[in-house]
Amino acid sequence: MREYTLIIKGERIPVSYDVYKVYYQEYEHERYLKNKSAKHEYSLEQFIEAGVSIEFICQDTITLVEDEVLKTEQIVRLYLCLDKLSAEEQQIIRGIFFEEKTEKELAMQLQISTSAVGYRKRKIPKALFQKMKGYYR
């Protein structure tokens, strides 16, 4: 089986195929948008003539890139935390939040009570939140 890794802050971190796929979909989408925007680029002289300051242009661009990097990093960390859950907990999270299944459908699939699914649906995100907080300390 192939091992998937991402480089974050100079460190290679093993990730699941799903995390790897999401990361590179975002990367490819960003590359596509960059190529698309290259067709509509304007020169510095055109901005100066229009009265737009270069500081405004640079600040706007830097903020967007930083936001995208932070968003991607948070997604990677979320998936790393999801991988640490038990198989049943992962099924519940995927079923409810990704596949949009009802609690009743999941209860039948996992052969547990609907109230147990509801309880875990509330418990698991709290545990994920605590694990995510650990990454930011």
N, C-alpha and C. Protein backbone atom coordinates (compact mmCIF):
# COMPACT_ATOMS: atom_id res chain seq x y z
N MET A 1 0.84 -1.18 0.00
CA MET A 1 0.00 0.00 0.00
C MET A 1 0.89 1.24 0.00
N ARG A 2 0.53 2.20 -0.80
CA ARG A 2 1.31 3.42 -0.94
C ARG A 2 1.12 4.31 0.29
N GLU A 3 2.20 4.93 0.75
CA GLU A 3 2.14 5.83 1.89
C GLU A 3 2.07 7.26 1.37
N TYR A 4 1.10 8.01 1.86
CA TYR A 4 0.91 9.39 1.43
C TYR A 4 1.42 10.32 2.52
N THR A 5 2.18 11.35 2.11
CA THR A 5 2.71 12.32 3.07
C THR A 5 2.56 13.72 2.51
N LEU A 6 2.50 14.68 3.43
CA LEU A 6 2.50 16.10 3.08
C LEU A 6 3.61 16.75 3.88
N ILE A 7 4.19 17.80 3.32
CA ILE A 7 5.23 18.52 4.02
C ILE A 7 4.62 19.77 4.63
N ILE A 8 4.65 19.83 5.97
CA ILE A 8 4.11 20.97 6.71
C ILE A 8 5.20 21.49 7.62
N LYS A 9 5.51 22.78 7.45
CA LYS A 9 6.57 23.43 8.22
C LYS A 9 7.87 22.64 8.13
N GLY A 10 8.18 22.15 6.94
CA GLY A 10 9.43 21.43 6.71
C GLY A 10 9.46 20.01 7.23
N GLU A 11 8.34 19.53 7.74
CA GLU A 11 8.28 18.18 8.30
C GLU A 11 7.31 17.33 7.47
N ARG A 12 7.73 16.15 7.14
CA ARG A 12 6.91 15.23 6.35
C ARG A 12 5.95 14.50 7.29
N ILE A 13 4.64 14.65 7.03
CA ILE A 13 3.62 14.06 7.89
C ILE A 13 2.82 13.03 7.10
N PRO A 14 2.73 11.80 7.59
CA PRO A 14 1.92 10.80 6.88
C PRO A 14 0.43 11.14 7.02
N VAL A 15 -0.28 11.00 5.91
CA VAL A 15 -1.72 11.29 5.90
C VAL A 15 -2.43 10.17 5.13
N SER A 16 -3.74 10.13 5.30
CA SER A 16 -4.53 9.15 4.56
C SER A 16 -4.69 9.61 3.11
N TYR A 17 -5.15 8.72 2.29
CA TYR A 17 -5.36 9.05 0.88
C TYR A 17 -6.37 10.19 0.74
N ASP A 18 -7.41 10.19 1.56
CA ASP A 18 -8.45 11.23 1.48
C ASP A 18 -7.87 12.61 1.75
N VAL A 19 -7.03 12.73 2.77
CA VAL A 19 -6.42 14.02 3.09
C VAL A 19 -5.51 14.45 1.95
N TYR A 20 -4.72 13.52 1.47
CA TYR A 20 -3.80 13.79 0.37
C TYR A 20 -4.57 14.28 -0.86
N LYS A 21 -5.67 13.61 -1.15
CA LYS A 21 -6.49 13.96 -2.31
C LYS A 21 -7.08 15.36 -2.17
N VAL A 22 -7.64 15.67 -0.99
CA VAL A 22 -8.23 16.99 -0.75
C VAL A 22 -7.17 18.08 -0.88
N TYR A 23 -6.00 17.83 -0.30
CA TYR A 23 -4.92 18.81 -0.36
C TYR A 23 -4.55 19.11 -1.80
N TYR A 24 -4.35 18.09 -2.60
CA TYR A 24 -3.92 18.33 -3.97
C TYR A 24 -5.05 18.81 -4.88
N GLN A 25 -6.29 18.54 -4.52
CA GLN A 25 -7.39 19.15 -5.27
C GLN A 25 -7.38 20.66 -5.07
N GLU A 26 -7.16 21.09 -3.83
CA GLU A 26 -7.05 22.51 -3.54
C GLU A 26 -5.85 23.12 -4.26
N TYR A 27 -4.73 22.40 -4.25
CA TYR A 27 -3.52 22.87 -4.92
C TYR A 27 -3.76 23.04 -6.42
N GLU A 28 -4.37 22.05 -7.04
CA GLU A 28 -4.64 22.12 -8.48
C GLU A 28 -5.64 23.22 -8.80
N HIS A 29 -6.64 23.40 -7.92
CA HIS A 29 -7.62 24.46 -8.13
C HIS A 29 -6.94 25.83 -8.07
N GLU A 30 -6.04 26.00 -7.11
CA GLU A 30 -5.31 27.26 -6.98
C GLU A 30 -4.45 27.51 -8.22
N ARG A 31 -3.81 26.45 -8.70
CA ARG A 31 -2.98 26.58 -9.91
C ARG A 31 -3.83 26.95 -11.12
N TYR A 32 -5.01 26.35 -11.22
CA TYR A 32 -5.93 26.66 -12.30
C TYR A 32 -6.34 28.13 -12.24
N LEU A 33 -6.69 28.61 -11.06
CA LEU A 33 -7.10 30.00 -10.91
C LEU A 33 -5.96 30.96 -11.23
N LYS A 34 -4.75 30.57 -10.84
CA LYS A 34 -3.58 31.41 -11.13
C LYS A 34 -3.38 31.52 -12.64
N ASN A 35 -3.48 30.40 -13.33
CA ASN A 35 -3.33 30.43 -14.79
C ASN A 35 -4.44 31.25 -15.44
N LYS A 36 -5.63 31.11 -14.92
CA LYS A 36 -6.77 31.84 -15.47
C LYS A 36 -6.60 33.34 -15.25
N SER A 37 -6.13 33.72 -14.06
CA SER A 37 -5.96 35.14 -13.75
C SER A 37 -4.80 35.75 -14.54
N ALA A 38 -3.82 34.93 -14.94
CA ALA A 38 -2.69 35.45 -15.70
C ALA A 38 -3.16 36.09 -17.00
N LYS A 39 -4.28 35.63 -17.54
CA LYS A 39 -4.83 36.20 -18.77
C LYS A 39 -5.40 37.60 -18.54
N HIS A 40 -5.70 37.91 -17.28
CA HIS A 40 -6.33 39.18 -16.96
C HIS A 40 -5.45 40.08 -16.10
N GLU A 41 -4.15 39.89 -16.17
CA GLU A 41 -3.24 40.69 -15.36
C GLU A 41 -3.06 42.07 -15.97
N TYR A 42 -2.81 43.03 -15.11
CA TYR A 42 -2.58 44.40 -15.53
C TYR A 42 -1.20 44.83 -15.06
N SER A 43 -0.63 45.79 -15.73
CA SER A 43 0.71 46.25 -15.36
C SER A 43 0.63 47.26 -14.22
N LEU A 44 1.76 47.46 -13.57
CA LEU A 44 1.85 48.43 -12.49
C LEU A 44 1.50 49.82 -13.00
N GLU A 45 1.94 50.14 -14.19
CA GLU A 45 1.66 51.45 -14.76
C GLU A 45 0.16 51.68 -14.93
N GLN A 46 -0.57 50.63 -15.32
CA GLN A 46 -2.02 50.77 -15.47
C GLN A 46 -2.68 51.06 -14.13
N PHE A 47 -2.21 50.43 -13.06
CA PHE A 47 -2.77 50.69 -11.74
C PHE A 47 -2.43 52.11 -11.27
N ILE A 48 -1.20 52.56 -11.51
CA ILE A 48 -0.81 53.90 -11.11
C ILE A 48 -1.66 54.93 -11.84
N GLU A 49 -1.87 54.72 -13.13
CA GLU A 49 -2.70 55.64 -13.91
C GLU A 49 -4.14 55.67 -13.39
N ALA A 50 -4.62 54.52 -12.90
CA ALA A 50 -5.98 54.46 -12.39
C ALA A 50 -6.08 54.98 -10.95
N GLY A 51 -4.93 55.27 -10.31
CA GLY A 51 -4.94 55.80 -8.96
C GLY A 51 -4.99 54.75 -7.87
N VAL A 52 -4.68 53.50 -8.18
CA VAL A 52 -4.68 52.42 -7.20
C VAL A 52 -3.27 52.30 -6.63
N SER A 53 -3.15 52.32 -5.27
CA SER A 53 -1.82 52.25 -4.68
C SER A 53 -1.31 50.81 -4.70
N ILE A 54 -0.01 50.65 -4.87
CA ILE A 54 0.62 49.33 -4.92
C ILE A 54 0.52 48.64 -3.56
N GLU A 55 0.53 49.40 -2.45
CA GLU A 55 0.41 48.82 -1.13
C GLU A 55 -0.93 48.10 -0.98
N PHE A 56 -1.99 48.70 -1.50
CA PHE A 56 -3.31 48.10 -1.44
C PHE A 56 -3.33 46.78 -2.20
N ILE A 57 -2.73 46.75 -3.37
CA ILE A 57 -2.71 45.54 -4.20
C ILE A 57 -1.92 44.43 -3.51
N CYS A 58 -0.75 44.76 -2.99
CA CYS A 58 0.09 43.75 -2.33
C CYS A 58 -0.55 43.22 -1.06
N GLN A 59 -1.12 44.09 -0.25
CA GLN A 59 -1.74 43.67 1.00
C GLN A 59 -2.89 42.71 0.73
N ASP A 60 -3.71 43.01 -0.26
CA ASP A 60 -4.85 42.16 -0.59
C ASP A 60 -4.38 40.78 -1.04
N THR A 61 -3.35 40.70 -1.85
CA THR A 61 -2.84 39.44 -2.35
C THR A 61 -2.23 38.60 -1.23
N ILE A 62 -1.45 39.24 -0.37
CA ILE A 62 -0.79 38.52 0.72
C ILE A 62 -1.82 37.91 1.66
N THR A 63 -2.85 38.66 1.99
CA THR A 63 -3.88 38.17 2.91
C THR A 63 -4.57 36.95 2.34
N LEU A 64 -4.91 36.97 1.06
CA LEU A 64 -5.59 35.83 0.45
C LEU A 64 -4.72 34.58 0.48
N VAL A 65 -3.44 34.70 0.20
CA VAL A 65 -2.54 33.55 0.19
C VAL A 65 -2.41 32.99 1.61
N GLU A 66 -2.26 33.87 2.59
CA GLU A 66 -2.14 33.42 3.98
C GLU A 66 -3.40 32.69 4.42
N ASP A 67 -4.56 33.23 4.04
CA ASP A 67 -5.82 32.58 4.41
C ASP A 67 -5.92 31.19 3.80
N GLU A 68 -5.51 31.05 2.56
CA GLU A 68 -5.58 29.75 1.89
C GLU A 68 -4.63 28.74 2.55
N VAL A 69 -3.44 29.20 2.91
CA VAL A 69 -2.47 28.31 3.55
C VAL A 69 -3.01 27.86 4.91
N LEU A 70 -3.55 28.80 5.69
CA LEU A 70 -4.11 28.45 7.00
C LEU A 70 -5.29 27.49 6.86
N LYS A 71 -6.13 27.74 5.89
CA LYS A 71 -7.29 26.87 5.67
C LYS A 71 -6.83 25.46 5.31
N THR A 72 -5.87 25.36 4.41
CA THR A 72 -5.37 24.05 4.00
C THR A 72 -4.71 23.33 5.17
N GLU A 73 -3.95 24.07 5.98
CA GLU A 73 -3.29 23.47 7.14
C GLU A 73 -4.33 22.96 8.15
N GLN A 74 -5.39 23.73 8.35
CA GLN A 74 -6.44 23.30 9.28
C GLN A 74 -7.16 22.06 8.77
N ILE A 75 -7.38 21.98 7.46
CA ILE A 75 -8.03 20.80 6.88
C ILE A 75 -7.15 19.57 7.08
N VAL A 76 -5.86 19.73 6.84
CA VAL A 76 -4.94 18.61 7.03
C VAL A 76 -4.95 18.14 8.48
N ARG A 77 -4.92 19.08 9.41
CA ARG A 77 -4.92 18.72 10.83
C ARG A 77 -6.24 18.06 11.24
N LEU A 78 -7.34 18.55 10.68
CA LEU A 78 -8.64 17.94 10.97
C LEU A 78 -8.65 16.49 10.51
N TYR A 79 -8.16 16.24 9.31
CA TYR A 79 -8.13 14.87 8.82
C TYR A 79 -7.17 13.99 9.62
N LEU A 80 -6.07 14.57 10.09
CA LEU A 80 -5.17 13.80 10.95
C LEU A 80 -5.87 13.40 12.25
N CYS A 81 -6.65 14.33 12.80
CA CYS A 81 -7.42 14.02 14.02
C CYS A 81 -8.51 13.00 13.73
N LEU A 82 -9.15 13.11 12.58
CA LEU A 82 -10.19 12.14 12.21
C LEU A 82 -9.60 10.74 12.09
N ASP A 83 -8.38 10.65 11.58
CA ASP A 83 -7.73 9.34 11.44
C ASP A 83 -7.45 8.68 12.78
N LYS A 84 -7.37 9.48 13.85
CA LYS A 84 -7.09 8.94 15.18
C LYS A 84 -8.35 8.39 15.87
N LEU A 85 -9.51 8.66 15.29
CA LEU A 85 -10.76 8.14 15.88
C LEU A 85 -10.89 6.64 15.60
N SER A 86 -11.74 5.99 16.38
CA SER A 86 -12.00 4.57 16.13
C SER A 86 -12.77 4.43 14.81
N ALA A 87 -12.80 3.23 14.27
CA ALA A 87 -13.48 2.99 12.99
C ALA A 87 -14.96 3.35 13.07
N GLU A 88 -15.60 3.01 14.19
CA GLU A 88 -17.02 3.31 14.35
C GLU A 88 -17.26 4.82 14.43
N GLU A 89 -16.41 5.52 15.15
CA GLU A 89 -16.53 6.97 15.25
C GLU A 89 -16.32 7.62 13.88
N GLN A 90 -15.37 7.11 13.12
CA GLN A 90 -15.15 7.64 11.78
C GLN A 90 -16.37 7.42 10.89
N GLN A 91 -16.99 6.24 11.02
CA GLN A 91 -18.19 5.96 10.24
C GLN A 91 -19.31 6.94 10.59
N ILE A 92 -19.46 7.24 11.87
CA ILE A 92 -20.51 8.17 12.30
C ILE A 92 -20.24 9.57 11.74
N ILE A 93 -19.02 10.04 11.86
CA ILE A 93 -18.67 11.37 11.36
C ILE A 93 -18.84 11.45 9.84
N ARG A 94 -18.31 10.46 9.14
CA ARG A 94 -18.45 10.46 7.67
C ARG A 94 -19.91 10.39 7.25
N GLY A 95 -20.66 9.52 7.93
CA GLY A 95 -22.06 9.34 7.59
C GLY A 95 -22.87 10.60 7.78
N ILE A 96 -22.72 11.24 8.92
CA ILE A 96 -23.53 12.42 9.23
C ILE A 96 -23.05 13.67 8.51
N PHE A 97 -21.76 13.95 8.57
CA PHE A 97 -21.26 15.22 8.07
C PHE A 97 -20.81 15.20 6.61
N PHE A 98 -20.42 14.05 6.08
CA PHE A 98 -19.95 14.00 4.70
C PHE A 98 -20.99 13.39 3.77
N GLU A 99 -21.63 12.31 4.21
CA GLU A 99 -22.61 11.62 3.37
C GLU A 99 -24.04 12.07 3.66
N GLU A 100 -24.21 12.90 4.68
CA GLU A 100 -25.51 13.47 5.08
C GLU A 100 -26.57 12.40 5.34
N LYS A 101 -26.17 11.34 6.01
CA LYS A 101 -27.11 10.30 6.40
C LYS A 101 -27.83 10.73 7.67
N THR A 102 -29.01 10.16 7.89
CA THR A 102 -29.74 10.45 9.12
C THR A 102 -29.20 9.57 10.24
N GLU A 103 -29.54 9.95 11.46
CA GLU A 103 -29.11 9.15 12.62
C GLU A 103 -29.74 7.76 12.55
N LYS A 104 -30.95 7.71 12.08
CA LYS A 104 -31.65 6.43 11.98
C LYS A 104 -30.95 5.50 10.99
N GLU A 105 -30.56 6.05 9.83
CA GLU A 105 -29.85 5.25 8.83
C GLU A 105 -28.53 4.71 9.38
N LEU A 106 -27.80 5.58 10.08
CA LEU A 106 -26.53 5.15 10.67
C LEU A 106 -26.74 4.10 11.76
N ALA A 107 -27.78 4.28 12.55
CA ALA A 107 -28.06 3.32 13.62
C ALA A 107 -28.33 1.94 13.03
N MET A 108 -29.09 1.90 11.94
CA MET A 108 -29.37 0.61 11.29
C MET A 108 -28.08 0.02 10.70
N GLN A 109 -27.27 0.86 10.08
CA GLN A 109 -26.02 0.40 9.47
C GLN A 109 -25.05 -0.14 10.52
N LEU A 110 -24.93 0.56 11.65
CA LEU A 110 -23.98 0.17 12.69
C LEU A 110 -24.58 -0.80 13.71
N GLN A 111 -25.87 -1.04 13.59
CA GLN A 111 -26.61 -1.93 14.49
C GLN A 111 -26.49 -1.48 15.94
N ILE A 112 -26.73 -0.18 16.15
CA ILE A 112 -26.82 0.39 17.49
C ILE A 112 -28.07 1.25 17.54
N SER A 113 -28.41 1.74 18.73
CA SER A 113 -29.63 2.53 18.86
C SER A 113 -29.44 3.93 18.28
N THR A 114 -30.56 4.54 17.91
CA THR A 114 -30.54 5.90 17.37
C THR A 114 -30.03 6.89 18.41
N SER A 115 -30.42 6.67 19.66
CA SER A 115 -29.95 7.57 20.72
C SER A 115 -28.43 7.46 20.91
N ALA A 116 -27.87 6.27 20.72
CA ALA A 116 -26.42 6.10 20.82
C ALA A 116 -25.71 6.89 19.71
N VAL A 117 -26.29 6.86 18.51
CA VAL A 117 -25.71 7.63 17.40
C VAL A 117 -25.78 9.12 17.73
N GLY A 118 -26.93 9.57 18.25
CA GLY A 118 -27.08 10.98 18.62
C GLY A 118 -26.10 11.40 19.69
N TYR A 119 -25.91 10.56 20.69
CA TYR A 119 -24.97 10.86 21.77
C TYR A 119 -23.55 10.98 21.21
N ARG A 120 -23.16 10.03 20.37
CA ARG A 120 -21.81 10.05 19.81
C ARG A 120 -21.62 11.22 18.84
N LYS A 121 -22.71 11.57 18.14
CA LYS A 121 -22.65 12.70 17.21
C LYS A 121 -22.31 13.99 17.97
N ARG A 122 -22.76 14.10 19.19
CA ARG A 122 -22.45 15.27 20.01
C ARG A 122 -21.09 15.14 20.71
N LYS A 123 -20.72 13.93 21.07
CA LYS A 123 -19.48 13.68 21.82
C LYS A 123 -18.24 13.78 20.92
N ILE A 124 -18.29 13.20 19.74
CA ILE A 124 -17.12 13.11 18.87
C ILE A 124 -16.59 14.48 18.46
N PRO A 125 -17.44 15.44 18.00
CA PRO A 125 -16.89 16.75 17.65
C PRO A 125 -16.20 17.46 18.82
N LYS A 126 -16.70 17.25 20.04
CA LYS A 126 -16.03 17.83 21.20
C LYS A 126 -14.63 17.25 21.36
N ALA A 127 -14.51 15.94 21.17
CA ALA A 127 -13.20 15.28 21.26
C ALA A 127 -12.28 15.78 20.13
N LEU A 128 -12.83 15.94 18.94
CA LEU A 128 -12.03 16.45 17.82
C LEU A 128 -11.54 17.87 18.12
N PHE A 129 -12.41 18.68 18.69
CA PHE A 129 -12.04 20.05 19.04
C PHE A 129 -10.87 20.05 20.01
N GLN A 130 -10.92 19.18 21.01
CA GLN A 130 -9.83 19.10 21.99
C GLN A 130 -8.53 18.66 21.31
N LYS A 131 -8.62 17.70 20.39
CA LYS A 131 -7.42 17.24 19.68
C LYS A 131 -6.86 18.35 18.79
N MET A 132 -7.76 19.11 18.13
CA MET A 132 -7.33 20.21 17.28
C MET A 132 -6.65 21.30 18.11
N LYS A 133 -7.17 21.56 19.31
CA LYS A 133 -6.54 22.56 20.18
C LYS A 133 -5.12 22.16 20.51
N GLY A 134 -4.87 20.86 20.64
CA GLY A 134 -3.53 20.38 20.94
C GLY A 134 -2.50 20.74 19.89
N TYR A 135 -2.95 20.86 18.63
CA TYR A 135 -2.03 21.22 17.55
C TYR A 135 -1.62 22.69 17.62
N TYR A 136 -2.42 23.52 18.24
CA TYR A 136 -2.16 24.95 18.22
C TYR A 136 -1.50 25.45 19.50
N ARG A 137 -1.10 24.56 20.37
CA ARG A 137 -0.41 24.97 21.60
C ARG A 137 1.07 24.98 21.39
